[in-house]
Amino acid sequence: MKLDLLNKQINLRDLKKLKTAHKLAAAAFELTLERGLDGFVVNDLVQRAGYSRRTFANYYSCKEEAVVAVVLNYENAPTVDELVAEMKEHESPLDIFYHLMKMQFTTNLLKKLQQLVSLSKQYPTLEPYILSVFQHFQEEAVKVVRILSDGRYPEAYHHQLAGALYGAILPSIDGSLQITFSEELKTDNVINFEQYLESTFDYLRNGFI
């Protein structure tokens, strides 16, 4: 029943609309990397993506929103079936978040998030949209964990746990910590992201002792 509920949420998405949104966002992101945020207008964006300005207006309020949305429409996103297959029955919310975040934060996604944060330092108008995107990831994760937890934990618990976990990811993206997203081994000054994520969950499981 729980899996049916999750799949229903996903199947209601209009795949054609998601594809259009992704193409527009990808074009905005590419142009920003090539020319800078001030180096193009919406007409340039829609021309590259192959859509009209009216279509753009149906999806995004401005080019800043489109640029950041590239991480919301990334390809090969984990499916609910894949998530459930990774888990044992009656796993705790912490363990569900563990499986979900390992699938969610791919190397491709993390690098794009890091690029966006870097761009926002040059173009501050991107900042509120980046925060909205991160909030979106967190809220979607809470929805999944809430359903899979099957009411075994208080509602506030999911939000508190998500806040701690997603907050811990930020230093790996904003440059506060030197973290690599490749398979390279950690050094004295650089931490591998997968190792960083593992240590975050270890600290939560052990109470930061």
N, C-alpha and C. Protein backbone atom coordinates (compact mmCIF):
# COMPACT_ATOMS: atom_id res chain seq x y z
N MET A 1 0.83 -1.21 0.00
CA MET A 1 0.00 0.00 0.00
C MET A 1 0.86 1.27 0.00
N LYS A 2 1.94 1.26 0.83
CA LYS A 2 2.81 2.42 0.89
C LYS A 2 3.47 2.68 -0.46
N LEU A 3 3.93 1.60 -1.09
CA LEU A 3 4.57 1.74 -2.39
C LEU A 3 3.59 2.25 -3.43
N ASP A 4 2.34 1.80 -3.36
CA ASP A 4 1.32 2.26 -4.28
C ASP A 4 1.11 3.77 -4.16
N LEU A 5 1.10 4.27 -2.92
CA LEU A 5 0.91 5.70 -2.69
C LEU A 5 2.05 6.50 -3.30
N LEU A 6 3.27 6.03 -3.12
CA LEU A 6 4.43 6.74 -3.65
C LEU A 6 4.44 6.71 -5.18
N ASN A 7 4.16 5.56 -5.74
CA ASN A 7 4.15 5.45 -7.19
C ASN A 7 3.06 6.30 -7.81
N LYS A 8 1.93 6.44 -7.11
CA LYS A 8 0.85 7.28 -7.61
C LYS A 8 1.30 8.72 -7.70
N GLN A 9 2.05 9.17 -6.68
CA GLN A 9 2.56 10.53 -6.70
C GLN A 9 3.47 10.76 -7.90
N ILE A 10 4.32 9.79 -8.19
CA ILE A 10 5.27 9.93 -9.28
C ILE A 10 4.58 9.81 -10.63
N ASN A 11 3.64 8.87 -10.75
CA ASN A 11 3.00 8.64 -12.03
C ASN A 11 2.10 9.78 -12.47
N LEU A 12 1.69 10.64 -11.54
CA LEU A 12 0.85 11.78 -11.88
C LEU A 12 1.63 12.88 -12.59
N ARG A 13 2.92 12.80 -12.54
CA ARG A 13 3.73 13.82 -13.20
C ARG A 13 3.58 13.71 -14.71
N ASP A 14 3.48 14.82 -15.31
CA ASP A 14 3.41 14.84 -16.76
C ASP A 14 4.84 14.82 -17.30
N LEU A 15 5.25 13.66 -17.85
CA LEU A 15 6.63 13.50 -18.28
C LEU A 15 7.02 14.47 -19.39
N LYS A 16 6.05 14.79 -20.25
CA LYS A 16 6.35 15.73 -21.34
C LYS A 16 6.66 17.11 -20.78
N LYS A 17 5.92 17.53 -19.76
CA LYS A 17 6.17 18.84 -19.15
C LYS A 17 7.53 18.86 -18.45
N LEU A 18 7.86 17.77 -17.80
CA LEU A 18 9.15 17.71 -17.13
C LEU A 18 10.30 17.81 -18.13
N LYS A 19 10.11 17.18 -19.29
CA LYS A 19 11.14 17.23 -20.33
C LYS A 19 11.32 18.66 -20.84
N THR A 20 10.20 19.35 -21.05
CA THR A 20 10.26 20.75 -21.50
C THR A 20 10.95 21.62 -20.46
N ALA A 21 10.55 21.44 -19.19
CA ALA A 21 11.16 22.22 -18.11
C ALA A 21 12.65 21.97 -18.03
N HIS A 22 13.05 20.73 -18.22
CA HIS A 22 14.46 20.40 -18.16
C HIS A 22 15.24 21.03 -19.30
N LYS A 23 14.69 21.02 -20.51
CA LYS A 23 15.38 21.61 -21.66
C LYS A 23 15.56 23.11 -21.47
N LEU A 24 14.54 23.78 -20.97
CA LEU A 24 14.64 25.22 -20.72
C LEU A 24 15.68 25.52 -19.65
N ALA A 25 15.65 24.73 -18.58
CA ALA A 25 16.60 24.93 -17.49
C ALA A 25 18.03 24.64 -17.95
N ALA A 26 18.21 23.58 -18.72
CA ALA A 26 19.54 23.22 -19.21
C ALA A 26 20.10 24.33 -20.10
N ALA A 27 19.25 24.90 -20.94
CA ALA A 27 19.69 25.99 -21.82
C ALA A 27 20.10 27.21 -21.00
N ALA A 28 19.32 27.54 -19.98
CA ALA A 28 19.64 28.69 -19.12
C ALA A 28 20.95 28.47 -18.38
N PHE A 29 21.15 27.27 -17.89
CA PHE A 29 22.38 26.94 -17.16
C PHE A 29 23.60 27.01 -18.07
N GLU A 30 23.48 26.44 -19.27
CA GLU A 30 24.58 26.44 -20.23
C GLU A 30 24.96 27.87 -20.63
N LEU A 31 23.96 28.69 -20.89
CA LEU A 31 24.23 30.08 -21.30
C LEU A 31 24.89 30.87 -20.17
N THR A 32 24.49 30.58 -18.94
CA THR A 32 25.09 31.27 -17.80
C THR A 32 26.56 30.90 -17.67
N LEU A 33 26.89 29.62 -17.87
CA LEU A 33 28.28 29.20 -17.81
C LEU A 33 29.10 29.81 -18.95
N GLU A 34 28.48 29.94 -20.12
CA GLU A 34 29.18 30.44 -21.30
C GLU A 34 29.34 31.96 -21.30
N ARG A 35 28.24 32.66 -20.95
CA ARG A 35 28.23 34.12 -21.13
C ARG A 35 28.09 34.91 -19.83
N GLY A 36 27.77 34.21 -18.75
CA GLY A 36 27.45 34.92 -17.52
C GLY A 36 25.97 35.23 -17.49
N LEU A 37 25.42 35.42 -16.32
CA LEU A 37 23.98 35.65 -16.19
C LEU A 37 23.52 36.91 -16.92
N ASP A 38 24.38 37.90 -16.98
CA ASP A 38 24.03 39.17 -17.64
C ASP A 38 24.31 39.14 -19.14
N GLY A 39 24.82 38.03 -19.64
CA GLY A 39 25.22 37.98 -21.03
C GLY A 39 24.19 37.41 -21.98
N PHE A 40 22.99 37.17 -21.50
CA PHE A 40 21.92 36.67 -22.38
C PHE A 40 20.57 37.09 -21.83
N VAL A 41 19.56 37.02 -22.69
CA VAL A 41 18.19 37.34 -22.30
C VAL A 41 17.33 36.11 -22.55
N VAL A 42 16.07 36.19 -22.13
CA VAL A 42 15.17 35.04 -22.26
C VAL A 42 15.01 34.59 -23.70
N ASN A 43 15.02 35.54 -24.63
CA ASN A 43 14.90 35.17 -26.05
C ASN A 43 16.05 34.28 -26.51
N ASP A 44 17.25 34.55 -26.00
CA ASP A 44 18.40 33.69 -26.33
C ASP A 44 18.19 32.29 -25.77
N LEU A 45 17.65 32.25 -24.59
CA LEU A 45 17.43 30.98 -23.89
C LEU A 45 16.43 30.10 -24.64
N VAL A 46 15.28 30.68 -24.98
CA VAL A 46 14.25 29.88 -25.65
C VAL A 46 14.67 29.46 -27.05
N GLN A 47 15.46 30.30 -27.69
CA GLN A 47 15.96 29.95 -29.03
C GLN A 47 16.86 28.72 -28.95
N ARG A 48 17.73 28.69 -27.93
CA ARG A 48 18.61 27.53 -27.77
C ARG A 48 17.83 26.28 -27.42
N ALA A 49 16.82 26.43 -26.56
CA ALA A 49 16.05 25.26 -26.12
C ALA A 49 15.05 24.79 -27.17
N GLY A 50 14.70 25.68 -28.11
CA GLY A 50 13.76 25.32 -29.16
C GLY A 50 12.30 25.49 -28.78
N TYR A 51 12.03 26.49 -27.92
CA TYR A 51 10.66 26.76 -27.50
C TYR A 51 10.35 28.25 -27.66
N SER A 52 9.12 28.62 -27.40
CA SER A 52 8.72 30.02 -27.49
C SER A 52 8.86 30.70 -26.13
N ARG A 53 8.84 32.02 -26.17
CA ARG A 53 8.91 32.78 -24.92
C ARG A 53 7.66 32.52 -24.07
N ARG A 54 6.53 32.29 -24.73
CA ARG A 54 5.29 31.99 -24.01
C ARG A 54 5.43 30.67 -23.25
N THR A 55 6.07 29.69 -23.88
CA THR A 55 6.29 28.41 -23.20
C THR A 55 7.17 28.61 -21.97
N PHE A 56 8.20 29.43 -22.13
CA PHE A 56 9.08 29.72 -20.99
C PHE A 56 8.28 30.30 -19.83
N ALA A 57 7.38 31.24 -20.14
CA ALA A 57 6.58 31.89 -19.09
C ALA A 57 5.65 30.92 -18.38
N ASN A 58 5.31 29.81 -19.02
CA ASN A 58 4.47 28.80 -18.39
C ASN A 58 5.22 27.99 -17.33
N TYR A 59 6.55 28.06 -17.38
CA TYR A 59 7.36 27.25 -16.48
C TYR A 59 8.15 28.07 -15.46
N TYR A 60 8.66 29.21 -15.89
CA TYR A 60 9.56 29.98 -15.03
C TYR A 60 9.20 31.46 -15.03
N SER A 61 9.45 32.09 -13.90
CA SER A 61 9.15 33.51 -13.76
C SER A 61 10.27 34.40 -14.27
N CYS A 62 11.48 33.86 -14.32
CA CYS A 62 12.64 34.64 -14.76
C CYS A 62 13.77 33.69 -15.11
N LYS A 63 14.82 34.22 -15.71
CA LYS A 63 15.93 33.35 -16.12
C LYS A 63 16.69 32.80 -14.91
N GLU A 64 16.72 33.55 -13.80
CA GLU A 64 17.38 33.05 -12.59
C GLU A 64 16.74 31.75 -12.10
N GLU A 65 15.42 31.75 -12.09
CA GLU A 65 14.70 30.55 -11.66
C GLU A 65 15.00 29.38 -12.58
N ALA A 66 15.07 29.64 -13.88
CA ALA A 66 15.36 28.59 -14.85
C ALA A 66 16.77 28.04 -14.68
N VAL A 67 17.74 28.92 -14.46
CA VAL A 67 19.12 28.48 -14.28
C VAL A 67 19.23 27.48 -13.14
N VAL A 68 18.64 27.82 -12.01
CA VAL A 68 18.75 26.99 -10.82
C VAL A 68 17.94 25.69 -10.96
N ALA A 69 16.87 25.73 -11.73
CA ALA A 69 16.00 24.57 -11.89
C ALA A 69 16.68 23.42 -12.62
N VAL A 70 17.87 23.63 -13.14
CA VAL A 70 18.58 22.56 -13.83
C VAL A 70 18.81 21.37 -12.90
N VAL A 71 18.91 21.62 -11.59
CA VAL A 71 19.13 20.51 -10.66
C VAL A 71 17.82 19.85 -10.22
N LEU A 72 16.70 20.48 -10.52
CA LEU A 72 15.41 19.86 -10.19
C LEU A 72 14.95 18.91 -11.28
N ASN A 73 15.50 19.04 -12.45
CA ASN A 73 15.06 18.25 -13.58
C ASN A 73 16.18 17.36 -14.12
N TYR A 74 17.11 16.98 -13.25
CA TYR A 74 18.21 16.16 -13.71
C TYR A 74 17.72 14.77 -14.10
N GLU A 75 18.42 14.18 -15.09
CA GLU A 75 18.02 12.89 -15.61
C GLU A 75 18.48 11.76 -14.69
N ASN A 76 17.90 10.61 -14.89
CA ASN A 76 18.26 9.41 -14.13
C ASN A 76 18.03 9.57 -12.64
N ALA A 77 16.97 10.28 -12.27
CA ALA A 77 16.63 10.43 -10.86
C ALA A 77 16.21 9.08 -10.29
N PRO A 78 16.50 8.83 -9.00
CA PRO A 78 16.14 7.54 -8.42
C PRO A 78 14.62 7.37 -8.37
N THR A 79 14.17 6.16 -8.62
CA THR A 79 12.74 5.87 -8.55
C THR A 79 12.41 5.31 -7.18
N VAL A 80 11.12 5.33 -6.84
CA VAL A 80 10.69 4.80 -5.56
C VAL A 80 10.97 3.30 -5.47
N ASP A 81 10.79 2.60 -6.59
CA ASP A 81 11.07 1.16 -6.61
C ASP A 81 12.52 0.89 -6.23
N GLU A 82 13.43 1.71 -6.77
CA GLU A 82 14.85 1.53 -6.48
C GLU A 82 15.12 1.80 -5.00
N LEU A 83 14.47 2.82 -4.46
CA LEU A 83 14.67 3.15 -3.05
C LEU A 83 14.20 2.03 -2.15
N VAL A 84 13.00 1.52 -2.40
CA VAL A 84 12.44 0.46 -1.57
C VAL A 84 13.29 -0.81 -1.67
N ALA A 85 13.83 -1.07 -2.85
CA ALA A 85 14.66 -2.26 -3.05
C ALA A 85 15.94 -2.20 -2.22
N GLU A 86 16.39 -0.98 -1.91
CA GLU A 86 17.62 -0.80 -1.14
C GLU A 86 17.40 -1.02 0.36
N MET A 87 16.15 -1.02 0.80
CA MET A 87 15.86 -1.01 2.22
C MET A 87 15.37 -2.36 2.74
N LYS A 88 15.55 -2.53 4.04
CA LYS A 88 14.98 -3.67 4.73
C LYS A 88 13.62 -3.24 5.29
N GLU A 89 12.81 -4.19 5.68
CA GLU A 89 11.48 -3.86 6.19
C GLU A 89 11.58 -3.14 7.54
N HIS A 90 10.73 -2.16 7.74
CA HIS A 90 10.63 -1.40 8.99
C HIS A 90 11.94 -0.68 9.35
N GLU A 91 12.59 -0.11 8.36
CA GLU A 91 13.79 0.67 8.65
C GLU A 91 13.41 1.97 9.32
N SER A 92 14.34 2.53 10.10
CA SER A 92 14.09 3.78 10.80
C SER A 92 14.11 4.94 9.82
N PRO A 93 13.52 6.08 10.18
CA PRO A 93 13.59 7.26 9.31
C PRO A 93 15.02 7.64 8.97
N LEU A 94 15.94 7.50 9.92
CA LEU A 94 17.34 7.84 9.65
C LEU A 94 17.90 6.95 8.54
N ASP A 95 17.59 5.67 8.58
CA ASP A 95 18.10 4.76 7.56
C ASP A 95 17.42 4.99 6.21
N ILE A 96 16.14 5.38 6.24
CA ILE A 96 15.45 5.71 4.98
C ILE A 96 16.08 6.94 4.35
N PHE A 97 16.36 7.95 5.17
CA PHE A 97 17.05 9.14 4.66
C PHE A 97 18.42 8.77 4.10
N TYR A 98 19.09 7.84 4.74
CA TYR A 98 20.41 7.40 4.29
C TYR A 98 20.35 6.86 2.86
N HIS A 99 19.42 5.93 2.63
CA HIS A 99 19.28 5.36 1.29
C HIS A 99 18.85 6.42 0.28
N LEU A 100 17.92 7.27 0.69
CA LEU A 100 17.40 8.30 -0.22
C LEU A 100 18.47 9.30 -0.62
N MET A 101 19.25 9.77 0.34
CA MET A 101 20.25 10.79 0.04
C MET A 101 21.41 10.23 -0.77
N LYS A 102 21.75 8.96 -0.56
CA LYS A 102 22.80 8.35 -1.37
C LYS A 102 22.38 8.26 -2.83
N MET A 103 21.09 8.02 -3.05
CA MET A 103 20.58 7.95 -4.41
C MET A 103 20.36 9.33 -5.00
N GLN A 104 19.94 10.26 -4.15
CA GLN A 104 19.58 11.60 -4.61
C GLN A 104 20.80 12.43 -4.99
N PHE A 105 21.82 12.42 -4.13
CA PHE A 105 22.98 13.28 -4.35
C PHE A 105 24.03 12.56 -5.17
N THR A 106 23.77 12.50 -6.48
CA THR A 106 24.73 11.92 -7.42
C THR A 106 25.88 12.90 -7.64
N THR A 107 26.97 12.39 -8.20
CA THR A 107 28.11 13.25 -8.49
C THR A 107 27.71 14.39 -9.43
N ASN A 108 26.90 14.06 -10.43
CA ASN A 108 26.45 15.08 -11.39
C ASN A 108 25.64 16.17 -10.70
N LEU A 109 24.73 15.78 -9.84
CA LEU A 109 23.91 16.76 -9.13
C LEU A 109 24.75 17.62 -8.21
N LEU A 110 25.64 17.02 -7.46
CA LEU A 110 26.47 17.75 -6.52
C LEU A 110 27.36 18.77 -7.22
N LYS A 111 27.91 18.38 -8.36
CA LYS A 111 28.76 19.31 -9.11
C LYS A 111 27.97 20.50 -9.63
N LYS A 112 26.74 20.24 -10.07
CA LYS A 112 25.90 21.34 -10.55
C LYS A 112 25.50 22.26 -9.40
N LEU A 113 25.20 21.69 -8.25
CA LEU A 113 24.89 22.51 -7.08
C LEU A 113 26.07 23.37 -6.70
N GLN A 114 27.25 22.80 -6.74
CA GLN A 114 28.46 23.55 -6.42
C GLN A 114 28.69 24.67 -7.43
N GLN A 115 28.44 24.38 -8.69
CA GLN A 115 28.56 25.41 -9.73
C GLN A 115 27.57 26.54 -9.50
N LEU A 116 26.35 26.19 -9.11
CA LEU A 116 25.33 27.21 -8.87
C LEU A 116 25.70 28.10 -7.69
N VAL A 117 26.21 27.50 -6.63
CA VAL A 117 26.62 28.30 -5.47
C VAL A 117 27.76 29.22 -5.86
N SER A 118 28.68 28.72 -6.66
CA SER A 118 29.79 29.55 -7.14
C SER A 118 29.28 30.71 -7.99
N LEU A 119 28.32 30.42 -8.86
CA LEU A 119 27.73 31.46 -9.70
C LEU A 119 27.00 32.51 -8.86
N SER A 120 26.37 32.06 -7.78
CA SER A 120 25.59 32.98 -6.95
C SER A 120 26.47 34.01 -6.24
N LYS A 121 27.74 33.70 -6.07
CA LYS A 121 28.65 34.65 -5.46
C LYS A 121 28.94 35.81 -6.42
N GLN A 122 28.83 35.51 -7.71
CA GLN A 122 29.02 36.55 -8.73
C GLN A 122 27.70 37.22 -9.09
N TYR A 123 26.61 36.43 -8.99
CA TYR A 123 25.27 36.93 -9.33
C TYR A 123 24.33 36.64 -8.15
N PRO A 124 24.27 37.54 -7.17
CA PRO A 124 23.48 37.31 -5.96
C PRO A 124 21.99 37.06 -6.19
N THR A 125 21.46 37.47 -7.35
CA THR A 125 20.03 37.24 -7.61
C THR A 125 19.70 35.75 -7.72
N LEU A 126 20.71 34.91 -7.84
CA LEU A 126 20.48 33.47 -7.89
C LEU A 126 20.24 32.86 -6.51
N GLU A 127 20.73 33.53 -5.46
CA GLU A 127 20.73 32.95 -4.12
C GLU A 127 19.36 32.48 -3.62
N PRO A 128 18.30 33.32 -3.69
CA PRO A 128 17.01 32.85 -3.17
C PRO A 128 16.47 31.63 -3.91
N TYR A 129 16.79 31.51 -5.19
CA TYR A 129 16.32 30.37 -5.96
C TYR A 129 17.08 29.10 -5.59
N ILE A 130 18.35 29.24 -5.25
CA ILE A 130 19.13 28.10 -4.79
C ILE A 130 18.59 27.59 -3.47
N LEU A 131 18.25 28.51 -2.58
CA LEU A 131 17.67 28.12 -1.30
C LEU A 131 16.34 27.41 -1.49
N SER A 132 15.55 27.88 -2.44
CA SER A 132 14.25 27.25 -2.73
C SER A 132 14.43 25.83 -3.26
N VAL A 133 15.44 25.65 -4.09
CA VAL A 133 15.73 24.33 -4.65
C VAL A 133 16.14 23.36 -3.54
N PHE A 134 17.00 23.82 -2.65
CA PHE A 134 17.45 22.95 -1.57
C PHE A 134 16.28 22.60 -0.65
N GLN A 135 15.41 23.58 -0.41
CA GLN A 135 14.22 23.33 0.39
C GLN A 135 13.32 22.30 -0.30
N HIS A 136 13.26 22.37 -1.62
CA HIS A 136 12.45 21.41 -2.38
C HIS A 136 12.97 19.99 -2.18
N PHE A 137 14.28 19.80 -2.27
CA PHE A 137 14.86 18.48 -2.05
C PHE A 137 14.49 17.95 -0.66
N GLN A 138 14.60 18.84 0.31
CA GLN A 138 14.31 18.44 1.69
C GLN A 138 12.85 18.08 1.87
N GLU A 139 11.95 18.88 1.33
CA GLU A 139 10.52 18.62 1.48
C GLU A 139 10.10 17.33 0.78
N GLU A 140 10.67 17.08 -0.41
CA GLU A 140 10.35 15.85 -1.13
C GLU A 140 10.84 14.63 -0.35
N ALA A 141 12.00 14.75 0.26
CA ALA A 141 12.54 13.65 1.06
C ALA A 141 11.65 13.38 2.26
N VAL A 142 11.17 14.42 2.92
CA VAL A 142 10.29 14.26 4.07
C VAL A 142 9.01 13.52 3.68
N LYS A 143 8.46 13.85 2.51
CA LYS A 143 7.25 13.18 2.04
C LYS A 143 7.47 11.68 1.90
N VAL A 144 8.59 11.32 1.29
CA VAL A 144 8.90 9.90 1.09
C VAL A 144 9.10 9.19 2.42
N VAL A 145 9.90 9.79 3.30
CA VAL A 145 10.20 9.17 4.59
C VAL A 145 8.94 9.04 5.44
N ARG A 146 8.08 10.05 5.38
CA ARG A 146 6.83 10.02 6.15
C ARG A 146 5.99 8.80 5.75
N ILE A 147 5.86 8.58 4.46
CA ILE A 147 5.03 7.47 3.99
C ILE A 147 5.66 6.12 4.33
N LEU A 148 6.97 6.00 4.09
CA LEU A 148 7.64 4.73 4.35
C LEU A 148 7.76 4.43 5.84
N SER A 149 7.73 5.46 6.68
CA SER A 149 7.78 5.25 8.14
C SER A 149 6.45 4.76 8.67
N ASP A 150 5.39 4.94 7.87
CA ASP A 150 4.07 4.39 8.20
C ASP A 150 3.53 4.85 9.55
N GLY A 151 3.74 6.14 9.86
CA GLY A 151 3.16 6.71 11.07
C GLY A 151 3.79 6.25 12.38
N ARG A 152 4.99 5.67 12.31
CA ARG A 152 5.63 5.15 13.53
C ARG A 152 6.35 6.24 14.33
N TYR A 153 6.47 7.44 13.75
CA TYR A 153 7.19 8.52 14.41
C TYR A 153 6.38 9.81 14.34
N PRO A 154 6.57 10.72 15.32
CA PRO A 154 5.85 12.00 15.28
C PRO A 154 6.19 12.79 14.02
N GLU A 155 5.26 13.58 13.54
CA GLU A 155 5.44 14.36 12.31
C GLU A 155 6.66 15.27 12.41
N ALA A 156 6.84 15.92 13.57
CA ALA A 156 7.96 16.85 13.73
C ALA A 156 9.30 16.15 13.60
N TYR A 157 9.35 14.87 13.96
CA TYR A 157 10.61 14.13 13.93
C TYR A 157 11.22 14.10 12.52
N HIS A 158 10.38 13.88 11.51
CA HIS A 158 10.87 13.82 10.13
C HIS A 158 11.49 15.15 9.70
N HIS A 159 10.82 16.25 10.07
CA HIS A 159 11.32 17.57 9.68
C HIS A 159 12.61 17.92 10.42
N GLN A 160 12.68 17.56 11.70
CA GLN A 160 13.89 17.83 12.49
C GLN A 160 15.08 17.05 11.94
N LEU A 161 14.84 15.80 11.62
CA LEU A 161 15.91 14.96 11.10
C LEU A 161 16.35 15.45 9.71
N ALA A 162 15.39 15.80 8.87
CA ALA A 162 15.71 16.31 7.53
C ALA A 162 16.51 17.61 7.63
N GLY A 163 16.13 18.47 8.56
CA GLY A 163 16.85 19.74 8.73
C GLY A 163 18.30 19.51 9.10
N ALA A 164 18.54 18.55 9.99
CA ALA A 164 19.92 18.25 10.40
C ALA A 164 20.72 17.67 9.24
N LEU A 165 20.12 16.76 8.49
CA LEU A 165 20.83 16.08 7.41
C LEU A 165 21.11 16.99 6.23
N TYR A 166 20.09 17.71 5.78
CA TYR A 166 20.29 18.57 4.62
C TYR A 166 21.13 19.79 4.97
N GLY A 167 21.06 20.20 6.22
CA GLY A 167 21.94 21.28 6.66
C GLY A 167 23.39 20.85 6.65
N ALA A 168 23.63 19.57 6.94
CA ALA A 168 24.99 19.05 6.96
C ALA A 168 25.59 18.96 5.56
N ILE A 169 24.72 18.90 4.54
CA ILE A 169 25.21 18.81 3.16
C ILE A 169 25.74 20.16 2.66
N LEU A 170 25.19 21.25 3.16
CA LEU A 170 25.54 22.58 2.64
C LEU A 170 27.04 22.89 2.64
N PRO A 171 27.80 22.57 3.72
CA PRO A 171 29.23 22.89 3.69
C PRO A 171 29.99 22.19 2.57
N SER A 172 29.47 21.07 2.09
CA SER A 172 30.13 20.36 1.00
C SER A 172 29.88 21.03 -0.35
N ILE A 173 28.88 21.92 -0.40
CA ILE A 173 28.51 22.57 -1.65
C ILE A 173 28.97 24.02 -1.70
N ASP A 174 28.92 24.70 -0.55
CA ASP A 174 29.22 26.14 -0.56
C ASP A 174 30.70 26.46 -0.39
N GLY A 175 31.54 25.43 -0.31
CA GLY A 175 32.97 25.67 -0.22
C GLY A 175 33.51 25.78 1.19
N SER A 176 32.65 25.63 2.20
CA SER A 176 33.11 25.71 3.59
C SER A 176 34.09 24.58 3.91
N LEU A 177 33.87 23.42 3.29
CA LEU A 177 34.76 22.28 3.45
C LEU A 177 35.32 21.90 2.09
N GLN A 178 36.54 21.41 2.09
CA GLN A 178 37.16 20.93 0.86
C GLN A 178 36.74 19.49 0.65
N ILE A 179 35.78 19.31 -0.24
CA ILE A 179 35.22 17.98 -0.47
C ILE A 179 35.27 17.66 -1.96
N THR A 180 35.72 16.45 -2.29
CA THR A 180 35.74 16.01 -3.68
C THR A 180 34.55 15.09 -3.93
N PHE A 181 33.99 15.17 -5.12
CA PHE A 181 32.85 14.33 -5.47
C PHE A 181 33.28 13.15 -6.35
N SER A 182 34.57 12.99 -6.53
CA SER A 182 35.07 11.90 -7.36
C SER A 182 35.37 10.70 -6.47
N GLU A 183 35.96 9.67 -7.07
CA GLU A 183 36.30 8.46 -6.33
C GLU A 183 37.68 8.57 -5.67
N GLU A 184 38.26 9.75 -5.72
CA GLU A 184 39.59 9.91 -5.13
C GLU A 184 39.55 9.66 -3.63
N LEU A 185 40.65 9.14 -3.11
CA LEU A 185 40.74 8.92 -1.67
C LEU A 185 40.93 10.25 -0.97
N LYS A 186 40.49 10.33 0.27
CA LYS A 186 40.63 11.58 1.01
C LYS A 186 42.10 11.82 1.35
N THR A 187 42.46 13.08 1.51
CA THR A 187 43.79 13.46 1.96
C THR A 187 43.62 14.21 3.27
N ASP A 188 44.69 14.80 3.75
CA ASP A 188 44.61 15.53 5.01
C ASP A 188 43.66 16.72 4.91
N ASN A 189 43.58 17.32 3.72
CA ASN A 189 42.78 18.53 3.57
C ASN A 189 41.50 18.35 2.76
N VAL A 190 41.38 17.23 2.04
CA VAL A 190 40.23 17.01 1.16
C VAL A 190 39.51 15.73 1.57
N ILE A 191 38.18 15.83 1.69
CA ILE A 191 37.35 14.70 2.08
C ILE A 191 36.52 14.25 0.89
N ASN A 192 36.40 12.97 0.69
CA ASN A 192 35.51 12.43 -0.32
C ASN A 192 34.07 12.59 0.15
N PHE A 193 33.16 13.01 -0.75
CA PHE A 193 31.78 13.26 -0.34
C PHE A 193 31.11 12.03 0.25
N GLU A 194 31.34 10.88 -0.35
CA GLU A 194 30.71 9.67 0.17
C GLU A 194 31.15 9.39 1.60
N GLN A 195 32.42 9.62 1.88
CA GLN A 195 32.93 9.44 3.24
C GLN A 195 32.33 10.49 4.18
N TYR A 196 32.17 11.70 3.67
CA TYR A 196 31.57 12.76 4.48
C TYR A 196 30.13 12.42 4.84
N LEU A 197 29.37 11.91 3.86
CA LEU A 197 27.99 11.52 4.12
C LEU A 197 27.92 10.39 5.13
N GLU A 198 28.80 9.41 4.98
CA GLU A 198 28.82 8.28 5.92
C GLU A 198 29.10 8.77 7.34
N SER A 199 30.06 9.68 7.48
CA SER A 199 30.40 10.19 8.82
C SER A 199 29.25 10.99 9.41
N THR A 200 28.50 11.72 8.56
CA THR A 200 27.35 12.48 9.04
C THR A 200 26.31 11.55 9.67
N PHE A 201 26.01 10.46 8.99
CA PHE A 201 25.05 9.50 9.52
C PHE A 201 25.60 8.76 10.74
N ASP A 202 26.89 8.49 10.76
CA ASP A 202 27.49 7.84 11.93
C ASP A 202 27.36 8.72 13.16
N TYR A 203 27.60 10.03 12.99
CA TYR A 203 27.46 10.95 14.11
C TYR A 203 26.02 10.98 14.64
N LEU A 204 25.06 10.99 13.72
CA LEU A 204 23.66 11.01 14.14
C LEU A 204 23.27 9.71 14.84
N ARG A 205 23.75 8.60 14.33
CA ARG A 205 23.42 7.31 14.95
C ARG A 205 24.03 7.18 16.34
N ASN A 206 25.22 7.78 16.53
CA ASN A 206 25.94 7.65 17.81
C ASN A 206 25.77 8.84 18.72
N GLY A 207 24.92 9.79 18.33
CA GLY A 207 24.66 10.93 19.19
C GLY A 207 25.79 11.93 19.30
N PHE A 208 26.64 12.03 18.27
CA PHE A 208 27.75 12.99 18.24
C PHE A 208 28.68 12.85 19.45
N ILE A 209 28.85 11.62 19.91
CA ILE A 209 29.74 11.39 21.07
C ILE A 209 31.18 11.32 20.58
